[in-house]
Amino acid sequence: MNATRERPEIRFLTSGDVTAHERAAAEHAVRTALMDAEGVTSVQVTLSVVADVSLPRPALAQAVVELDGRRVRAQAAAPRIDEAIDTLRERLAIRASSSQVS
């Protein structure tokens, strides 16, 4: 029951001022959200920060996951990228768990 599951590599697309630390935080958040998910075959994460002070939520975090042959997508926009990543984790966990209920 505790067999090690092979986890697919997370592919990243970034734009704007996204640090290595923020990218690592996003990887951890996505892996946490998918911890109980079975059948994950691919994961792509997009992190974007727009340098425009007039925007209320210039940071975007998005994940597209291939899960049991279906695409599960979650995204979040926020004033800061760390907030967007936290919200993405919550949304992805909900979508992943609800897509596996048959």
Protein backbone atom coordinates (compact mmCIF):
# COMPACT_ATOMS: atom_id res chain seq x y z
CA MET A 1 0.00 0.00 0.00
CA ASN A 2 2.94 2.34 0.61
CA ALA A 3 4.49 1.55 -2.75
CA THR A 4 6.51 4.39 -4.16
CA ARG A 5 4.67 6.07 -7.00
CA GLU A 6 6.70 7.55 -9.78
CA ARG A 7 5.90 11.23 -10.02
CA PRO A 8 6.18 12.96 -13.37
CA GLU A 9 8.56 15.84 -13.80
CA ILE A 10 6.87 19.22 -13.48
CA ARG A 11 7.43 21.38 -16.54
CA PHE A 12 7.56 25.12 -15.89
CA LEU A 13 6.82 28.18 -17.97
CA THR A 14 7.69 31.48 -16.32
CA SER A 15 7.44 35.11 -17.32
CA GLY A 16 8.28 38.27 -15.49
CA ASP A 17 10.15 38.46 -12.20
CA VAL A 18 9.85 34.87 -10.92
CA THR A 19 12.65 33.66 -8.64
CA ALA A 20 14.05 30.15 -8.22
CA HIS A 21 12.62 30.16 -4.68
CA GLU A 22 9.13 30.93 -6.00
CA ARG A 23 9.47 28.21 -8.61
CA ALA A 24 10.49 25.73 -5.89
CA ALA A 25 7.53 26.86 -3.76
CA ALA A 26 5.20 26.23 -6.70
CA GLU A 27 6.65 22.77 -7.24
CA HIS A 28 6.14 21.92 -3.57
CA ALA A 29 2.58 23.32 -3.64
CA VAL A 30 1.63 21.30 -6.72
CA ARG A 31 3.16 18.09 -5.37
CA THR A 32 1.28 18.65 -2.09
CA ALA A 33 -2.00 19.23 -3.94
CA LEU A 34 -1.51 16.03 -5.93
CA MET A 35 -0.24 13.94 -3.00
CA ASP A 36 -3.25 11.60 -2.98
CA ALA A 37 -3.96 11.72 -6.71
CA GLU A 38 -3.43 8.57 -8.72
CA GLY A 39 -2.84 8.42 -12.45
CA VAL A 40 -0.91 11.69 -12.84
CA THR A 41 1.02 11.45 -16.10
CA SER A 42 2.06 15.06 -16.74
CA VAL A 43 2.12 18.41 -14.98
CA GLN A 44 2.76 21.86 -16.41
CA VAL A 45 2.95 24.95 -14.20
CA THR A 46 2.92 28.53 -15.42
CA LEU A 47 4.09 31.35 -13.15
CA SER A 48 3.77 34.91 -14.37
CA VAL A 49 4.31 38.31 -12.81
CA VAL A 50 3.37 41.41 -14.78
CA ALA A 51 5.33 44.54 -13.87
CA ASP A 52 2.34 46.88 -13.93
CA VAL A 53 1.54 48.60 -10.63
CA SER A 54 -1.94 49.53 -11.86
CA LEU A 55 -3.04 45.87 -11.89
CA PRO A 56 -4.74 44.67 -8.70
CA ARG A 57 -3.55 41.04 -9.19
CA PRO A 58 -0.42 40.99 -11.36
CA ALA A 59 0.74 37.53 -10.26
CA LEU A 60 -0.65 34.37 -11.87
CA ALA A 61 -0.06 30.72 -11.00
CA GLN A 62 -1.58 28.02 -13.17
CA ALA A 63 -1.32 24.22 -13.33
CA VAL A 64 -2.50 21.82 -16.01
CA VAL A 65 -2.39 18.18 -14.94
CA GLU A 66 -3.06 15.06 -16.98
CA LEU A 67 -4.94 12.89 -14.49
CA ASP A 68 -6.38 9.51 -15.47
CA GLY A 69 -6.49 10.63 -19.10
CA ARG A 70 -8.29 13.88 -18.28
CA ARG A 71 -6.93 17.40 -18.06
CA VAL A 72 -7.39 19.13 -14.75
CA ARG A 73 -6.67 22.86 -14.70
CA ALA A 74 -6.46 25.30 -11.82
CA GLN A 75 -5.26 28.87 -11.65
CA ALA A 76 -5.11 31.80 -9.29
CA ALA A 77 -4.27 35.48 -9.60
CA ALA A 78 -3.15 37.57 -6.63
CA PRO A 79 -1.24 40.73 -5.70
CA ARG A 80 1.89 38.61 -4.99
CA ILE A 81 3.13 35.37 -6.53
CA ASP A 82 3.35 33.57 -3.17
CA GLU A 83 -0.36 34.28 -2.59
CA ALA A 84 -1.21 33.03 -6.07
CA ILE A 85 0.78 29.82 -5.45
CA ASP A 86 -1.02 29.18 -2.13
CA THR A 87 -4.42 29.64 -3.74
CA LEU A 88 -3.39 27.45 -6.67
CA ARG A 89 -2.47 24.65 -4.25
CA GLU A 90 -5.91 24.80 -2.62
CA ARG A 91 -7.79 24.89 -5.92
CA LEU A 92 -5.74 22.14 -7.54
CA ALA A 93 -6.22 19.83 -4.55
CA ILE A 94 -10.00 20.30 -4.76
CA ARG A 95 -10.12 19.75 -8.51
CA ALA A 96 -7.83 16.72 -8.40
CA SER A 97 -9.83 15.02 -5.64
CA SER A 98 -13.20 15.76 -7.23
CA SER A 99 -12.06 14.49 -10.63
CA GLN A 100 -11.19 11.11 -9.12
CA VAL A 101 -14.59 10.57 -7.57
CA SER A 102 -16.47 8.19 -9.88
